[in-house]
Amino acid sequence: MNTLVLPAELIGESDAWGLSRRTVVALTLQTADRELLEALREKLAGELADSVRVLDEIADLNREKLEIDVPQEVLGLAGLAA
């Protein structure tokens, strides 16, 4: 369930006795047809594919460029010391 909180100025004014005078609230709801939804789904799929491609490129660059200095003691404990 979605809940929308309306701003106080749309609800109305309270008088001294706590009774409120209500104002007319007009809401407009716009819906999307099937073609628009499908176009949005296709656009989202393309954006997701692009983002995954960029993340893969970043991961590849990190593997190529990332250097870590590890103390010999740690390398020995890990069985990586030559």
N, C-alpha and C. Protein backbone atom coordinates (compact mmCIF):
# COMPACT_ATOMS: atom_id res chain seq x y z
N MET A 1 0.84 -1.17 0.00
CA MET A 1 0.00 0.00 0.00
C MET A 1 0.89 1.24 0.00
N ASN A 2 0.61 2.19 -0.88
CA ASN A 2 1.34 3.45 -0.92
C ASN A 2 0.56 4.51 -0.16
N THR A 3 1.25 5.29 0.65
CA THR A 3 0.62 6.34 1.42
C THR A 3 1.24 7.67 1.02
N LEU A 4 0.39 8.65 0.79
CA LEU A 4 0.84 9.98 0.44
C LEU A 4 0.36 10.94 1.52
N VAL A 5 1.27 11.70 2.08
CA VAL A 5 0.92 12.68 3.10
C VAL A 5 0.74 14.02 2.41
N LEU A 6 -0.43 14.60 2.56
CA LEU A 6 -0.72 15.88 1.94
C LEU A 6 -0.19 17.01 2.81
N PRO A 7 0.29 18.07 2.20
CA PRO A 7 0.73 19.23 2.98
C PRO A 7 -0.43 19.82 3.77
N ALA A 8 -0.12 20.40 4.92
CA ALA A 8 -1.15 20.94 5.81
C ALA A 8 -2.02 21.97 5.12
N GLU A 9 -1.43 22.76 4.22
CA GLU A 9 -2.22 23.82 3.58
C GLU A 9 -3.31 23.26 2.66
N LEU A 10 -3.22 22.01 2.27
CA LEU A 10 -4.26 21.41 1.44
C LEU A 10 -5.41 20.84 2.27
N ILE A 11 -5.17 20.62 3.54
CA ILE A 11 -6.17 19.96 4.38
C ILE A 11 -7.23 20.93 4.87
N GLY A 12 -6.88 22.14 5.19
CA GLY A 12 -7.86 23.12 5.64
C GLY A 12 -7.40 23.81 6.90
N GLU A 13 -8.21 24.74 7.37
CA GLU A 13 -7.87 25.52 8.55
C GLU A 13 -8.72 25.08 9.73
N SER A 14 -8.13 25.13 10.92
CA SER A 14 -8.89 24.84 12.14
C SER A 14 -9.33 26.16 12.75
N ASP A 15 -10.54 26.17 13.29
CA ASP A 15 -10.98 27.37 13.98
C ASP A 15 -10.71 27.21 15.47
N ALA A 16 -11.16 28.15 16.28
CA ALA A 16 -10.88 28.15 17.72
C ALA A 16 -11.46 26.93 18.43
N TRP A 17 -12.50 26.30 17.90
CA TRP A 17 -13.14 25.16 18.57
C TRP A 17 -12.60 23.83 18.08
N GLY A 18 -11.61 23.88 17.21
CA GLY A 18 -11.03 22.63 16.71
C GLY A 18 -11.74 22.05 15.50
N LEU A 19 -12.74 22.75 15.01
CA LEU A 19 -13.43 22.30 13.81
C LEU A 19 -12.67 22.82 12.60
N SER A 20 -12.58 22.02 11.60
CA SER A 20 -11.80 22.48 10.45
C SER A 20 -12.72 22.75 9.27
N ARG A 21 -12.37 23.74 8.53
CA ARG A 21 -13.06 24.03 7.28
C ARG A 21 -12.25 23.37 6.17
N ARG A 22 -12.86 22.46 5.51
CA ARG A 22 -12.13 21.71 4.48
C ARG A 22 -12.11 22.48 3.17
N THR A 23 -10.99 22.38 2.51
CA THR A 23 -10.87 22.96 1.19
C THR A 23 -10.97 21.82 0.18
N VAL A 24 -11.26 22.18 -1.03
CA VAL A 24 -11.36 21.18 -2.09
C VAL A 24 -9.95 20.78 -2.51
N VAL A 25 -9.69 19.48 -2.54
CA VAL A 25 -8.40 18.97 -2.96
C VAL A 25 -8.59 18.28 -4.30
N ALA A 26 -7.83 18.70 -5.27
CA ALA A 26 -7.90 18.08 -6.59
C ALA A 26 -6.62 17.30 -6.84
N LEU A 27 -6.76 16.04 -7.15
CA LEU A 27 -5.61 15.19 -7.46
C LEU A 27 -5.72 14.75 -8.90
N THR A 28 -4.60 14.69 -9.57
CA THR A 28 -4.57 14.21 -10.95
C THR A 28 -3.71 12.95 -10.98
N LEU A 29 -4.26 11.91 -11.53
CA LEU A 29 -3.55 10.64 -11.63
C LEU A 29 -3.32 10.34 -13.10
N GLN A 30 -2.07 10.11 -13.43
CA GLN A 30 -1.74 9.81 -14.81
C GLN A 30 -1.30 8.35 -14.88
N THR A 31 -1.83 7.63 -15.82
CA THR A 31 -1.45 6.22 -15.99
C THR A 31 -0.71 6.06 -17.31
N ALA A 32 0.05 4.99 -17.39
CA ALA A 32 0.83 4.72 -18.60
C ALA A 32 0.18 3.55 -19.35
N ASP A 33 0.15 3.69 -20.67
CA ASP A 33 -0.39 2.59 -21.47
C ASP A 33 0.69 1.52 -21.67
N ARG A 34 0.30 0.42 -22.25
CA ARG A 34 1.22 -0.72 -22.43
C ARG A 34 2.46 -0.35 -23.25
N GLU A 35 2.27 0.47 -24.28
CA GLU A 35 3.41 0.84 -25.13
C GLU A 35 4.44 1.64 -24.34
N LEU A 36 3.97 2.57 -23.53
CA LEU A 36 4.90 3.37 -22.72
C LEU A 36 5.62 2.49 -21.71
N LEU A 37 4.88 1.60 -21.06
CA LEU A 37 5.51 0.70 -20.09
C LEU A 37 6.58 -0.17 -20.74
N GLU A 38 6.27 -0.69 -21.92
CA GLU A 38 7.24 -1.53 -22.62
C GLU A 38 8.46 -0.72 -23.03
N ALA A 39 8.25 0.51 -23.50
CA ALA A 39 9.38 1.36 -23.87
C ALA A 39 10.24 1.66 -22.65
N LEU A 40 9.62 1.91 -21.51
CA LEU A 40 10.37 2.18 -20.28
C LEU A 40 11.14 0.94 -19.82
N ARG A 41 10.52 -0.24 -19.96
CA ARG A 41 11.21 -1.49 -19.60
C ARG A 41 12.44 -1.70 -20.48
N GLU A 42 12.29 -1.44 -21.78
CA GLU A 42 13.42 -1.59 -22.70
C GLU A 42 14.53 -0.60 -22.37
N LYS A 43 14.15 0.62 -22.06
CA LYS A 43 15.15 1.63 -21.69
C LYS A 43 15.87 1.22 -20.41
N LEU A 44 15.13 0.73 -19.43
CA LEU A 44 15.74 0.27 -18.18
C LEU A 44 16.70 -0.88 -18.43
N ALA A 45 16.29 -1.83 -19.26
CA ALA A 45 17.17 -2.98 -19.56
C ALA A 45 18.46 -2.50 -20.21
N GLY A 46 18.35 -1.53 -21.11
CA GLY A 46 19.55 -0.99 -21.75
C GLY A 46 20.46 -0.28 -20.76
N GLU A 47 19.87 0.51 -19.87
CA GLU A 47 20.65 1.22 -18.85
C GLU A 47 21.33 0.24 -17.91
N LEU A 48 20.61 -0.82 -17.53
CA LEU A 48 21.21 -1.83 -16.65
C LEU A 48 22.38 -2.53 -17.34
N ALA A 49 22.21 -2.86 -18.62
CA ALA A 49 23.29 -3.51 -19.36
C ALA A 49 24.51 -2.59 -19.45
N ASP A 50 24.26 -1.31 -19.71
CA ASP A 50 25.38 -0.36 -19.77
C ASP A 50 26.09 -0.25 -18.43
N SER A 51 25.33 -0.22 -17.34
CA SER A 51 25.95 -0.08 -16.02
C SER A 51 26.77 -1.32 -15.67
N VAL A 52 26.28 -2.50 -16.03
CA VAL A 52 27.05 -3.73 -15.77
C VAL A 52 28.34 -3.72 -16.59
N ARG A 53 28.26 -3.26 -17.84
CA ARG A 53 29.45 -3.19 -18.68
C ARG A 53 30.49 -2.24 -18.08
N VAL A 54 30.04 -1.08 -17.60
CA VAL A 54 30.97 -0.13 -16.99
C VAL A 54 31.58 -0.71 -15.72
N LEU A 55 30.77 -1.37 -14.90
CA LEU A 55 31.30 -1.99 -13.68
C LEU A 55 32.33 -3.06 -14.00
N ASP A 56 32.08 -3.84 -15.06
CA ASP A 56 33.06 -4.85 -15.47
C ASP A 56 34.37 -4.21 -15.93
N GLU A 57 34.26 -3.10 -16.66
CA GLU A 57 35.46 -2.39 -17.10
C GLU A 57 36.26 -1.87 -15.90
N ILE A 58 35.56 -1.34 -14.91
CA ILE A 58 36.23 -0.84 -13.71
C ILE A 58 36.91 -1.99 -12.97
N ALA A 59 36.23 -3.13 -12.86
CA ALA A 59 36.83 -4.28 -12.18
C ALA A 59 38.08 -4.75 -12.92
N ASP A 60 38.02 -4.76 -14.26
CA ASP A 60 39.20 -5.16 -15.04
C ASP A 60 40.35 -4.19 -14.81
N LEU A 61 40.07 -2.90 -14.81
CA LEU A 61 41.12 -1.91 -14.56
C LEU A 61 41.71 -2.06 -13.17
N ASN A 62 40.87 -2.34 -12.19
CA ASN A 62 41.36 -2.53 -10.82
C ASN A 62 42.28 -3.75 -10.73
N ARG A 63 41.95 -4.81 -11.45
CA ARG A 63 42.81 -6.00 -11.43
C ARG A 63 44.16 -5.71 -12.07
N GLU A 64 44.15 -4.87 -13.10
CA GLU A 64 45.39 -4.56 -13.80
C GLU A 64 46.26 -3.57 -13.03
N LYS A 65 45.68 -2.61 -12.37
CA LYS A 65 46.42 -1.49 -11.81
C LYS A 65 46.60 -1.53 -10.30
N LEU A 66 45.84 -2.32 -9.62
CA LEU A 66 45.86 -2.29 -8.16
C LEU A 66 47.08 -3.04 -7.63
N GLU A 67 47.91 -2.33 -6.90
CA GLU A 67 49.08 -2.94 -6.28
C GLU A 67 48.94 -2.82 -4.78
N ILE A 68 49.24 -3.89 -4.09
CA ILE A 68 49.13 -3.90 -2.64
C ILE A 68 50.47 -4.36 -2.07
N ASP A 69 50.99 -3.58 -1.15
CA ASP A 69 52.22 -3.97 -0.45
C ASP A 69 51.82 -4.82 0.75
N VAL A 70 52.27 -6.06 0.73
CA VAL A 70 51.96 -6.98 1.82
C VAL A 70 53.27 -7.37 2.50
N PRO A 71 53.33 -7.24 3.80
CA PRO A 71 54.57 -7.61 4.51
C PRO A 71 54.94 -9.08 4.27
N GLN A 72 56.24 -9.35 4.23
CA GLN A 72 56.73 -10.70 4.00
C GLN A 72 56.18 -11.69 5.03
N GLU A 73 56.01 -11.24 6.25
CA GLU A 73 55.47 -12.12 7.29
C GLU A 73 54.07 -12.62 6.92
N VAL A 74 53.24 -11.73 6.40
CA VAL A 74 51.89 -12.11 5.98
C VAL A 74 51.95 -13.05 4.78
N LEU A 75 52.83 -12.74 3.83
CA LEU A 75 52.97 -13.61 2.67
C LEU A 75 53.38 -15.02 3.10
N GLY A 76 54.28 -15.09 4.07
CA GLY A 76 54.73 -16.39 4.57
C GLY A 76 53.60 -17.15 5.24
N LEU A 77 52.80 -16.46 6.04
CA LEU A 77 51.67 -17.10 6.69
C LEU A 77 50.64 -17.60 5.69
N ALA A 78 50.51 -16.86 4.59
CA ALA A 78 49.53 -17.24 3.58
C ALA A 78 50.10 -18.29 2.61
N GLY A 79 51.35 -18.58 2.74
CA GLY A 79 51.98 -19.57 1.86
C GLY A 79 52.30 -18.99 0.49
N LEU A 80 52.43 -17.67 0.42
CA LEU A 80 52.72 -17.01 -0.87
C LEU A 80 54.16 -16.56 -0.98
N ALA A 81 54.94 -16.70 0.05
CA ALA A 81 56.34 -16.22 0.04
C ALA A 81 57.18 -17.13 -0.87
N ALA A 82 58.07 -16.48 -1.61
CA ALA A 82 58.93 -17.26 -2.52
C ALA A 82 60.19 -17.70 -1.80
